[in-house]
Protein backbone atom coordinates (compact mmCIF):
# COMPACT_ATOMS: atom_id res chain seq x y z
CA MET A 1 -78.30 -123.62 131.71
CA LYS A 2 -77.86 -125.14 128.02
CA ALA A 3 -74.77 -124.72 126.51
CA SER A 4 -74.77 -122.46 123.25
CA PHE A 5 -74.55 -124.28 119.93
CA SER A 6 -70.98 -124.16 118.63
CA PHE A 7 -70.63 -124.59 114.50
CA GLU A 8 -66.72 -124.96 115.19
CA THR A 9 -67.41 -127.88 117.50
CA TYR A 10 -70.26 -128.90 115.12
CA PHE A 11 -67.98 -129.02 112.13
CA ALA A 12 -65.01 -130.59 113.92
CA ALA A 13 -67.53 -133.60 114.58
CA VAL A 14 -68.88 -133.86 111.14
CA VAL A 15 -65.27 -133.67 109.54
CA SER A 16 -63.67 -136.51 112.11
CA LYS A 17 -67.11 -138.42 111.79
CA ASP A 18 -67.66 -138.58 115.38
CA ALA A 19 -71.14 -140.24 115.62
CA ALA A 20 -71.80 -139.70 119.45
CA ALA A 21 -70.77 -136.29 119.12
CA LEU A 22 -72.89 -135.56 116.05
CA GLN A 23 -75.73 -137.17 117.98
CA ALA A 24 -75.67 -134.38 120.85
CA PHE A 25 -75.94 -131.45 118.57
CA PHE A 26 -79.56 -132.53 117.13
CA ARG A 27 -82.79 -132.93 118.19
CA GLU A 28 -84.30 -136.54 117.62
CA ASP A 29 -86.69 -135.35 115.04
CA ALA A 30 -84.32 -133.22 113.17
CA GLU A 31 -84.53 -133.11 109.40
CA VAL A 32 -81.84 -132.66 107.01
CA TYR A 33 -81.60 -131.99 103.46
CA TRP A 34 -78.62 -132.16 100.92
CA HIS A 35 -80.04 -130.16 98.13
CA ASN A 36 -77.64 -131.03 95.27
CA THR A 37 -78.19 -134.67 95.30
CA GLN A 38 -81.99 -134.41 96.80
CA GLU A 39 -81.72 -136.33 99.45
CA ARG A 40 -83.72 -135.91 102.86
CA PHE A 41 -82.54 -137.81 105.92
CA ASP A 42 -83.67 -138.20 109.46
CA LEU A 43 -81.00 -138.20 112.37
CA ARG A 44 -80.14 -141.82 112.17
CA GLY A 45 -79.95 -141.46 108.35
CA PHE A 46 -77.65 -138.44 108.38
CA ILE A 47 -75.21 -139.77 110.91
CA ARG A 48 -74.75 -142.89 108.99
CA ALA A 49 -74.58 -141.15 105.71
CA ASN A 50 -71.77 -138.68 107.27
CA CYS A 51 -70.13 -141.26 109.12
CA ASP A 52 -69.74 -143.99 106.47
CA TYR A 53 -68.96 -141.57 103.74
CA PRO A 54 -65.31 -143.04 102.39
CA GLY A 55 -62.07 -141.50 103.24
CA ASP A 56 -60.64 -139.34 105.81
CA TRP A 57 -61.28 -135.64 105.55
CA ARG A 58 -60.20 -132.38 106.91
CA GLY A 59 -61.96 -129.04 106.70
CA GLU A 60 -61.93 -125.20 107.49
CA ILE A 61 -64.74 -122.75 108.29
CA GLU A 62 -64.68 -119.96 105.97
CA ARG A 63 -67.62 -117.92 107.35
CA GLU A 64 -70.17 -118.20 109.98
CA TYR A 65 -73.09 -115.87 111.14
CA ARG A 66 -75.75 -116.36 113.67
CA ILE A 67 -79.04 -114.64 113.64
CA GLU A 68 -81.29 -115.43 116.40
CA ASP A 69 -81.86 -119.22 116.14
CA THR A 70 -80.21 -119.65 112.57
CA VAL A 71 -76.56 -120.30 111.77
CA ILE A 72 -75.21 -119.73 108.44
CA ALA A 73 -71.82 -121.02 107.65
CA ALA A 74 -69.67 -121.66 104.63
CA ALA A 75 -66.75 -124.37 105.02
CA ARG A 76 -64.07 -126.23 102.61
CA VAL A 77 -63.85 -129.78 103.08
CA TRP A 78 -61.00 -131.93 101.53
CA SER A 79 -59.68 -135.27 101.45
CA ALA A 80 -56.66 -136.42 103.42
CA ASP A 81 -56.33 -139.26 101.31
CA ALA A 82 -56.56 -137.67 97.85
CA PRO A 83 -56.00 -133.80 98.33
CA SER A 84 -57.06 -133.08 94.84
CA LEU A 85 -60.81 -134.09 96.06
CA SER A 86 -61.88 -130.63 97.64
CA PHE A 87 -65.75 -129.37 98.14
CA HIS A 88 -67.25 -126.08 99.61
CA CYS A 89 -70.25 -126.29 101.74
CA CYS A 90 -72.92 -123.85 102.58
CA SER A 91 -75.03 -124.89 105.67
CA PHE A 92 -78.11 -123.03 107.03
CA ILE A 93 -79.07 -124.52 110.44
CA THR A 94 -82.18 -123.93 112.25
CA LEU A 95 -81.96 -124.47 115.94
CA ASP A 96 -84.43 -125.07 118.80
CA ASP A 97 -82.99 -124.75 122.23
CA GLU A 98 -79.51 -124.79 120.93
CA ARG A 99 -80.12 -128.23 119.13
CA ILE A 100 -80.47 -128.46 115.27
CA VAL A 101 -84.22 -129.53 113.97
CA LEU A 102 -83.48 -128.51 110.59
CA LEU A 103 -80.21 -128.54 108.41
CA ASP A 104 -80.18 -127.52 104.73
CA GLU A 105 -76.77 -128.11 102.82
CA TYR A 106 -75.65 -127.36 99.54
CA TRP A 107 -72.23 -129.04 98.34
CA GLY A 108 -70.42 -128.23 95.46
CA ASP A 109 -67.26 -129.80 93.67
CA ASP A 110 -63.77 -127.43 93.80
CA GLY A 111 -61.98 -127.19 90.34
CA GLU A 112 -61.26 -125.37 87.51
CA PRO A 113 -63.71 -122.92 85.80
CA PRO A 114 -64.79 -124.34 82.51
CA GLU A 115 -63.31 -122.75 79.17
CA TRP A 116 -65.91 -120.41 78.46
CA ARG A 117 -65.43 -118.64 81.63
CA LYS A 118 -61.63 -118.64 81.66
CA GLU A 119 -61.94 -115.93 78.70
CA ILE A 120 -63.72 -113.69 80.99
CA LEU A 121 -61.15 -113.99 83.58
CA GLU A 122 -58.35 -112.83 81.31
C-alpha cells in the first residue's frame, strides 16, 4: 500500500531544500507553475529553483485542506538570515496515486498595506 501524501512532510522538504526528499513527492512528468512570475517548471527545474534559492528559510503551515486528489494549503515562509523577508504562499496540488502531478502556487510578499488602505483600517 502506497503511503498517503503528507503536506506537512512535503512542506518541510521544501523549506529545508531537501532535493532527494522532494523528488519522492512528485511523479516524473509533474508540472509546476509559479503564477506570480509566470514561471513553468518540469520536476528537475522546480527542484533546482527551490533548492538553489538563496538563503536559509523557515516556514509554517497556516491552513490545509484535502478534497479527494486535491490539496490546498496556505503557508508562511520567512528568511532565517533576514527575518524581515517574509512571504505567504497558496498551493494547489493535484495528486495521482498520492504523488504530485500538478502544483500551482501563488507567492506574495508580506508587508505593510499601502497608505491609501491604512485610512480604511483606522
